[in-house]
Amino acid sequence: MKLKNYKIEEVYRVMKEKVEKKGAFNNKIFLEYVDEEKQNFKEEKELNKKFRKKKNNESINRNK
């Protein structure tokens, strides 16, 4: 700041203007990138596990 002759008040003013303009998050909430294809694959795999487990239990109960 001293090299460019900025006053600290001016720096704070510009910072405040930028925050208001950009709509910064006050509570530090950040969005995370989610690979949709990968997530869908994981969910489908999990559903298949549950389905197979249920199907196996039904066939065991029939054989009793």
C-alpha atoms as a PDB file:
ATOM      1  CA  MET A   1       0.000   0.000   0.000  1.00  0.00           C
ATOM      2  CA  LYS A   2       2.817   2.368   0.831  1.00  0.00           C
ATOM      3  CA  LEU A   3       4.478   1.765  -2.513  1.00  0.00           C
ATOM      4  CA  LYS A   4       1.365   2.847  -4.400  1.00  0.00           C
ATOM      5  CA  ASN A   5       0.385   5.586  -1.913  1.00  0.00           C
ATOM      6  CA  TYR A   6      -2.949   4.000  -0.954  1.00  0.00           C
ATOM      7  CA  LYS A   7      -4.556   4.977   2.312  1.00  0.00           C
ATOM      8  CA  ILE A   8      -5.869   2.143   4.475  1.00  0.00           C
ATOM      9  CA  GLU A   9      -9.326   3.756   4.536  1.00  0.00           C
ATOM     10  CA  GLU A  10      -9.411   3.701   0.751  1.00  0.00           C
ATOM     11  CA  VAL A  11      -8.420   0.036   0.687  1.00  0.00           C
ATOM     12  CA  TYR A  12     -11.213  -0.877   3.131  1.00  0.00           C
ATOM     13  CA  ARG A  13     -13.716   1.166   1.128  1.00  0.00           C
ATOM     14  CA  VAL A  14     -12.820  -0.600  -2.113  1.00  0.00           C
ATOM     15  CA  MET A  15     -12.930  -3.999  -0.361  1.00  0.00           C
ATOM     16  CA  LYS A  16     -16.414  -3.252   0.963  1.00  0.00           C
ATOM     17  CA  GLU A  17     -17.627  -2.167  -2.492  1.00  0.00           C
ATOM     18  CA  LYS A  18     -16.297  -5.368  -4.067  1.00  0.00           C
ATOM     19  CA  VAL A  19     -17.942  -7.561  -1.418  1.00  0.00           C
ATOM     20  CA  GLU A  20     -21.292  -5.850  -1.935  1.00  0.00           C
ATOM     21  CA  LYS A  21     -20.984  -6.086  -5.706  1.00  0.00           C
ATOM     22  CA  LYS A  22     -19.997  -9.771  -5.739  1.00  0.00           C
ATOM     23  CA  GLY A  23     -22.354 -10.864  -2.962  1.00  0.00           C
ATOM     24  CA  ALA A  24     -19.719 -12.648  -0.897  1.00  0.00           C
ATOM     25  CA  PHE A  25     -20.763 -15.386   1.526  1.00  0.00           C
ATOM     26  CA  ASN A  26     -20.744 -14.152   5.106  1.00  0.00           C
ATOM     27  CA  ASN A  27     -21.030 -17.633   6.609  1.00  0.00           C
ATOM     28  CA  LYS A  28     -18.259 -19.159   4.485  1.00  0.00           C
ATOM     29  CA  ILE A  29     -20.534 -21.431   2.474  1.00  0.00           C
ATOM     30  CA  PHE A  30     -18.800 -22.903  -0.539  1.00  0.00           C
ATOM     31  CA  LEU A  31     -20.251 -24.968  -3.342  1.00  0.00           C
ATOM     32  CA  GLU A  32     -18.516 -28.220  -4.184  1.00  0.00           C
ATOM     33  CA  TYR A  33     -18.166 -29.604  -7.697  1.00  0.00           C
ATOM     34  CA  VAL A  34     -19.919 -32.947  -8.071  1.00  0.00           C
ATOM     35  CA  ASP A  35     -19.224 -35.191 -11.041  1.00  0.00           C
ATOM     36  CA  GLU A  36     -22.799 -36.116 -11.917  1.00  0.00           C
ATOM     37  CA  GLU A  37     -21.904 -39.201 -13.964  1.00  0.00           C
ATOM     38  CA  LYS A  38     -19.758 -40.576 -11.164  1.00  0.00           C
ATOM     39  CA  GLN A  39     -22.429 -39.850  -8.552  1.00  0.00           C
ATOM     40  CA  ASN A  40     -25.129 -41.528 -10.664  1.00  0.00           C
ATOM     41  CA  PHE A  41     -22.914 -44.592 -11.106  1.00  0.00           C
ATOM     42  CA  LYS A  42     -22.335 -44.847  -7.331  1.00  0.00           C
ATOM     43  CA  GLU A  43     -26.044 -44.506  -6.590  1.00  0.00           C
ATOM     44  CA  GLU A  44     -26.990 -47.106  -9.177  1.00  0.00           C
ATOM     45  CA  LYS A  45     -24.380 -49.509  -7.817  1.00  0.00           C
ATOM     46  CA  GLU A  46     -25.742 -49.064  -4.282  1.00  0.00           C
ATOM     47  CA  LEU A  47     -29.325 -49.614  -5.458  1.00  0.00           C
ATOM     48  CA  ASN A  48     -28.275 -52.794  -7.246  1.00  0.00           C
ATOM     49  CA  LYS A  49     -26.676 -54.088  -4.040  1.00  0.00           C
ATOM     50  CA  LYS A  50     -29.881 -53.466  -2.098  1.00  0.00           C
ATOM     51  CA  PHE A  51     -31.999 -55.047  -4.845  1.00  0.00           C
ATOM     52  CA  ARG A  52     -29.811 -58.177  -4.988  1.00  0.00           C
ATOM     53  CA  LYS A  53     -29.855 -58.469  -1.209  1.00  0.00           C
ATOM     54  CA  LYS A  54     -33.649 -58.195  -1.132  1.00  0.00           C
ATOM     55  CA  LYS A  55     -34.002 -60.695  -3.982  1.00  0.00           C
ATOM     56  CA  ASN A  56     -31.718 -63.200  -2.232  1.00  0.00           C
ATOM     57  CA  ASN A  57     -33.672 -62.877   1.025  1.00  0.00           C
ATOM     58  CA  GLU A  58     -36.949 -63.496  -0.808  1.00  0.00           C
ATOM     59  CA  SER A  59     -35.607 -66.623  -2.518  1.00  0.00           C
ATOM     60  CA  ILE A  60     -34.268 -67.972   0.798  1.00  0.00           C
ATOM     61  CA  ASN A  61     -37.653 -67.396   2.441  1.00  0.00           C
ATOM     62  CA  ARG A  62     -39.404 -69.269  -0.400  1.00  0.00           C
ATOM     63  CA  ASN A  63     -37.145 -72.270   0.029  1.00  0.00           C
ATOM     64  CA  LYS A  64     -38.006 -72.630   3.724  1.00  0.00           C
END
